[in-house]
Amino acid sequence: MEREKIVQTAGRDVLGSFAPDFARYNDDVLFGEVWNDMTLDLKTKSIIVISVFMGRGLCDDSLKYHLLTAKKNGITKDEISAIVTHAAFYAGWPMAWAVFNMAKEIWNDDSPACDDKERFQKEVFLPIGEKNPYGKYFTGQSYLAQVSLEQVPAFNVTFEPGCRNFWHIHHAKSGGGQMLICIGGRGWYQEEGKEAVELTPGKVVNIPVGVKHWHGAASDSWMSHLAFEIPAEDGTTEWCEPVSDKLYGELK
C-alpha cells in the first residue's frame, strides 16, 4: 500500500554549507532511502529508533523529534509507556525517567494521541471523509468521501471494525450496477445465497443489477473501498434488512 514519501531537509538546512556530504547522507540516504524503504512500517521503525536512543543514553532534541514522529506514526500513549518501560530494564532506570518526562509533554491530555481513524488514514491514499450521510442504512460507523462525479461517479467508503451496510439491491432499466475496489484494511462482500468473499487491498468486486448483497469491514479491521456507480437509466437502490449478528459473527 502506498504511503506518503518522507522528505527531510534538516541536514541541508543546518549543515548544508558546513558539511554538505553529511547533510546529503542525512536527507537523501537516511531519510530519503532508509526511512522510505517499505520492508518495515513506520511505526516499527519509530520503536527501533527510540529503543536505540535509550540504549545509547541519548536524550536530547533529536530524541524529542523521534518521539514526535512516533506519535505521528501511530504510537499511542499506552504503547509509548510500554516501550519505555520495557527498554528501561536494558537502558537503565534514570534514562527511562528522562524519556518519560519528555514523552509526557508529547502524549498529554490536551494533545491526544493519533486516534484509530487517523492511523487508518495513513494506510489509504484517498481521504476517508466525514460521517456517512447514509448511515441509517449501516450497522456501525462508516465514512464517505467523494472522489469524482465526472464520467463514472466514484466514492471512497470507509467502515470502522464491525461496520457493514444493510442488504441492498441496485436496480436499473438499463446499465447500472456497481464496482468495488478495496484500497485498505480487510472486509467482506456477500451475495444472497453465496459464500462471503474476503476484501483485501486490490480485490475487485463487480455487482450486477438485481443482486441482493452487502459489504463491510471485518470485525477486527477497518476497511476502505472505492465504489464506482455504473451509469444507469432509472437507477435506484433498494435497501433491505440489516445483516444479522449471527451471519456476520460466523465470518472470520
Protein backbone atom coordinates (compact mmCIF):
# COMPACT_ATOMS: atom_id res chain seq x y z
CA MET A 1 0.00 0.00 0.00
CA GLU A 2 1.30 3.42 -0.97
CA ARG A 3 2.17 5.88 1.76
CA GLU A 4 3.32 9.47 1.70
CA LYS A 5 7.02 9.78 0.91
CA ILE A 6 9.19 11.12 3.72
CA VAL A 7 11.13 14.22 2.68
CA GLN A 8 13.82 15.56 5.03
CA THR A 9 15.71 18.86 4.65
CA ALA A 10 17.14 19.28 8.17
CA GLY A 11 20.66 18.28 7.08
CA ARG A 12 20.86 20.90 4.36
CA ASP A 13 19.04 23.50 6.48
CA VAL A 14 21.50 23.20 9.38
CA LEU A 15 24.74 21.84 7.89
CA GLY A 16 24.38 22.30 4.16
CA SER A 17 27.20 24.82 3.76
CA PHE A 18 29.38 23.46 6.58
CA ALA A 19 29.15 19.69 5.92
CA PRO A 20 27.39 19.15 2.58
CA ASP A 21 28.23 15.44 2.36
CA PHE A 22 26.85 14.73 5.83
CA ALA A 23 23.74 16.78 5.01
CA ARG A 24 23.22 14.76 1.84
CA TYR A 25 23.65 11.43 3.66
CA ASN A 26 21.16 12.57 6.31
CA ASP A 27 18.48 13.91 3.96
CA ASP A 28 18.85 11.69 0.90
CA VAL A 29 20.11 8.36 2.28
CA LEU A 30 18.93 8.02 5.89
CA PHE A 31 15.52 9.60 5.36
CA GLY A 32 15.22 9.51 1.57
CA GLU A 33 16.06 5.81 1.27
CA VAL A 34 16.14 4.01 4.64
CA TRP A 35 13.04 5.60 6.18
CA ASN A 36 11.16 5.29 2.88
CA ASP A 37 12.01 1.60 2.48
CA MET A 38 8.73 -0.37 2.71
CA THR A 39 10.10 -3.54 4.36
CA LEU A 40 9.23 -2.22 7.83
CA ASP A 41 6.27 0.01 8.62
CA LEU A 42 6.91 3.48 10.05
CA LYS A 43 5.57 2.57 13.48
CA THR A 44 8.07 -0.28 13.82
CA LYS A 45 10.91 1.98 12.68
CA SER A 46 9.98 4.54 15.34
CA ILE A 47 10.06 1.85 18.04
CA ILE A 48 13.52 0.76 16.88
CA VAL A 49 14.93 4.31 16.87
CA ILE A 50 13.55 5.15 20.33
CA SER A 51 14.97 1.91 21.75
CA VAL A 52 18.41 2.55 20.23
CA PHE A 53 18.47 6.14 21.52
CA MET A 54 17.62 4.91 25.02
CA GLY A 55 20.23 2.16 24.85
CA ARG A 56 22.90 4.71 23.94
CA GLY A 57 21.78 7.16 26.62
CA LEU A 58 20.75 9.85 24.13
CA CYS A 59 18.00 12.11 25.45
CA ASP A 60 18.21 15.42 23.60
CA ASP A 61 16.26 17.30 20.95
CA SER A 62 16.93 14.56 18.41
CA LEU A 63 15.09 12.05 20.61
CA LYS A 64 12.25 14.53 21.06
CA TYR A 65 11.99 14.75 17.28
CA HIS A 66 11.70 10.97 17.05
CA LEU A 67 9.12 10.86 19.86
CA LEU A 68 7.02 13.39 17.94
CA THR A 69 7.50 11.31 14.80
CA ALA A 70 6.49 8.16 16.71
CA LYS A 71 3.21 9.78 17.74
CA LYS A 72 2.63 10.86 14.13
CA ASN A 73 3.34 7.28 13.04
CA GLY A 74 0.55 5.96 15.27
CA ILE A 75 2.20 5.04 18.57
CA THR A 76 -0.34 5.65 21.34
CA LYS A 77 0.22 6.87 24.90
CA ASP A 78 -0.21 3.32 26.24
CA GLU A 79 2.23 1.96 23.65
CA ILE A 80 4.97 4.52 24.34
CA SER A 81 4.59 3.82 28.06
CA ALA A 82 5.05 0.10 27.44
CA ILE A 83 8.01 0.67 25.07
CA VAL A 84 9.91 2.90 27.51
CA THR A 85 9.11 0.64 30.48
CA HIS A 86 10.38 -2.42 28.61
CA ALA A 87 13.53 -0.62 27.43
CA ALA A 88 14.22 0.64 30.98
CA PHE A 89 15.40 -2.82 32.04
CA TYR A 90 18.08 -2.70 29.33
CA ALA A 91 18.86 1.02 29.03
CA GLY A 92 18.63 1.99 32.70
CA TRP A 93 16.07 3.47 35.07
CA PRO A 94 17.37 7.09 35.00
CA MET A 95 17.22 7.03 31.21
CA ALA A 96 13.61 5.87 31.30
CA TRP A 97 12.72 8.69 33.71
CA ALA A 98 14.25 11.22 31.33
CA VAL A 99 12.34 9.80 28.33
CA PHE A 100 9.08 9.67 30.25
CA ASN A 101 9.42 13.33 31.20
CA MET A 102 9.85 14.15 27.53
CA ALA A 103 7.06 11.81 26.37
CA LYS A 104 4.56 13.27 28.85
CA GLU A 105 4.76 16.60 27.05
CA ILE A 106 4.04 14.93 23.71
CA TRP A 107 1.33 12.45 24.73
CA ASN A 108 -0.53 14.82 27.04
CA ASP A 109 -4.29 15.04 27.61
CA ASP A 110 -4.50 18.41 25.86
CA SER A 111 -2.94 16.94 22.71
CA PRO A 112 -4.47 13.47 22.30
CA ALA A 113 -2.57 10.74 20.51
CA CYS A 114 -3.44 9.84 16.95
CA ASP A 115 -6.79 8.01 17.03
CA ASP A 116 -7.76 4.92 15.08
CA LYS A 117 -9.29 6.90 12.21
CA GLU A 118 -6.13 8.99 11.82
CA ARG A 119 -3.94 5.89 11.91
CA PHE A 120 -6.04 4.16 9.23
CA GLN A 121 -5.96 7.32 7.11
CA LYS A 122 -2.17 6.86 6.87
CA GLU A 123 -2.75 3.43 5.26
CA VAL A 124 -5.00 4.58 2.42
CA PHE A 125 -4.09 7.02 -0.33
CA LEU A 126 -7.52 8.70 -0.55
CA PRO A 127 -9.32 10.78 2.09
CA ILE A 128 -11.67 8.93 4.44
CA GLY A 129 -14.06 11.84 4.53
CA GLU A 130 -16.82 12.61 7.02
CA LYS A 131 -19.52 10.51 8.66
CA ASN A 132 -21.66 8.80 6.04
CA PRO A 133 -24.95 10.67 5.42
CA TYR A 134 -26.48 7.28 4.55
CA GLY A 135 -25.61 5.97 8.00
CA LYS A 136 -29.19 4.87 8.68
CA TYR A 137 -28.57 2.00 6.24
CA PHE A 138 -25.42 0.84 8.09
CA THR A 139 -24.74 -1.14 11.24
CA GLY A 140 -21.85 0.71 12.92
CA GLN A 141 -19.97 3.81 11.80
CA SER A 142 -18.96 4.49 8.21
CA TYR A 143 -17.47 7.46 6.35
CA LEU A 144 -17.89 8.80 2.84
CA ALA A 145 -15.57 10.83 0.60
CA GLN A 146 -16.46 11.93 -2.92
CA VAL A 147 -13.64 11.06 -5.33
CA SER A 148 -15.21 12.04 -8.66
CA LEU A 149 -18.58 12.94 -10.17
CA GLU A 150 -17.22 13.15 -13.72
CA GLN A 151 -17.76 10.32 -16.26
CA VAL A 152 -18.13 7.47 -13.71
CA PRO A 153 -19.10 8.65 -10.19
CA ALA A 154 -16.69 7.27 -7.58
CA PHE A 155 -16.68 7.41 -3.79
CA ASN A 156 -14.38 6.18 -1.06
CA VAL A 157 -16.41 4.37 1.60
CA THR A 158 -14.67 3.55 4.89
CA PHE A 159 -16.02 1.20 7.55
CA GLU A 160 -14.94 1.02 11.19
CA PRO A 161 -14.34 -2.52 12.54
CA GLY A 162 -17.61 -4.43 12.63
CA CYS A 163 -19.44 -1.92 10.42
CA ARG A 164 -21.40 -3.16 7.41
CA ASN A 165 -24.24 -1.86 5.28
CA PHE A 166 -27.69 -3.44 5.08
CA TRP A 167 -28.65 -5.95 2.43
CA HIS A 168 -29.48 -3.96 -0.69
CA ILE A 169 -30.20 -4.27 -4.41
CA HIS A 170 -29.22 -1.98 -7.29
CA HIS A 171 -31.99 -1.60 -9.87
CA ALA A 172 -31.89 -0.03 -13.33
CA LYS A 173 -33.92 -0.05 -16.52
CA SER A 174 -30.63 -0.46 -18.38
CA GLY A 175 -26.95 -0.33 -17.44
CA GLY A 176 -26.33 0.15 -13.75
CA GLY A 177 -24.71 -1.91 -11.05
CA GLN A 178 -21.62 -1.12 -9.03
CA MET A 179 -17.91 -1.96 -8.87
CA LEU A 180 -15.93 -2.06 -5.63
CA ILE A 181 -12.13 -1.93 -5.27
CA CYS A 182 -10.74 -2.46 -1.78
CA ILE A 183 -7.94 0.02 -1.04
CA GLY A 184 -7.19 -0.67 2.63
CA GLY A 185 -7.87 -2.93 5.58
CA ARG A 186 -9.96 -6.10 5.42
CA GLY A 187 -13.65 -6.74 4.95
CA TRP A 188 -16.38 -8.82 3.35
CA TYR A 189 -18.70 -8.84 0.34
CA GLN A 190 -21.57 -11.29 0.14
CA GLU A 191 -24.37 -12.01 -2.31
CA GLU A 192 -27.53 -13.66 -1.08
CA GLY A 193 -27.24 -17.45 -1.20
CA LYS A 194 -23.45 -17.39 -1.73
CA GLU A 195 -20.37 -17.58 0.48
CA ALA A 196 -18.86 -14.29 1.63
CA VAL A 197 -15.81 -13.02 -0.30
CA GLU A 198 -12.92 -11.52 1.66
CA LEU A 199 -11.97 -7.97 0.69
CA THR A 200 -8.29 -7.04 0.91
CA PRO A 201 -6.37 -4.26 -0.88
CA GLY A 202 -6.62 -4.70 -4.65
CA LYS A 203 -9.65 -7.01 -4.56
CA VAL A 204 -12.23 -6.06 -7.22
CA VAL A 205 -15.93 -6.92 -6.95
CA ASN A 206 -18.41 -6.42 -9.79
CA ILE A 207 -22.04 -6.16 -8.66
CA PRO A 208 -24.73 -6.58 -11.32
CA VAL A 209 -28.20 -5.08 -11.05
CA GLY A 210 -30.85 -7.14 -9.33
CA VAL A 211 -28.45 -8.96 -6.97
CA LYS A 212 -29.12 -8.71 -3.23
CA HIS A 213 -25.84 -8.19 -1.37
CA TRP A 214 -23.98 -6.41 1.44
CA HIS A 215 -20.41 -5.34 2.16
CA GLY A 216 -18.46 -4.03 5.13
CA ALA A 217 -15.40 -4.32 7.38
CA ALA A 218 -14.15 -7.38 9.21
CA SER A 219 -14.85 -7.43 12.94
CA ASP A 220 -11.19 -6.72 13.77
CA SER A 221 -10.22 -4.31 10.98
CA TRP A 222 -11.07 -1.03 9.34
CA MET A 223 -11.78 -1.27 5.61
CA SER A 224 -11.98 1.21 2.74
CA HIS A 225 -13.23 0.52 -0.76
CA LEU A 226 -13.80 2.65 -3.81
CA ALA A 227 -17.39 2.41 -5.05
CA PHE A 228 -17.94 3.12 -8.75
CA GLU A 229 -21.53 3.78 -9.76
CA ILE A 230 -22.04 2.34 -13.26
CA PRO A 231 -24.11 4.72 -15.42
CA ALA A 232 -27.73 3.61 -15.48
CA GLU A 233 -31.13 4.53 -16.83
CA ASP A 234 -33.56 4.99 -13.94
CA GLY A 235 -31.02 3.66 -11.45
CA THR A 236 -32.16 3.19 -7.84
CA THR A 237 -31.02 1.37 -4.70
CA GLU A 238 -33.44 -0.74 -2.69
CA TRP A 239 -32.38 -1.02 0.97
CA CYS A 240 -33.45 -4.18 2.75
CA GLU A 241 -32.93 -5.67 6.23
CA PRO A 242 -29.71 -5.38 8.29
CA VAL A 243 -27.13 -8.17 8.14
CA SER A 244 -27.83 -10.32 11.19
CA ASP A 245 -25.29 -10.54 14.01
CA LYS A 246 -25.42 -14.35 13.65
CA LEU A 247 -24.47 -14.31 9.94
CA TYR A 248 -21.80 -11.65 10.44
CA GLY A 249 -20.41 -13.35 13.53
CA GLU A 250 -19.70 -16.53 11.57
CA LEU A 251 -17.19 -14.68 9.34
CA LYS A 252 -13.55 -14.81 10.48
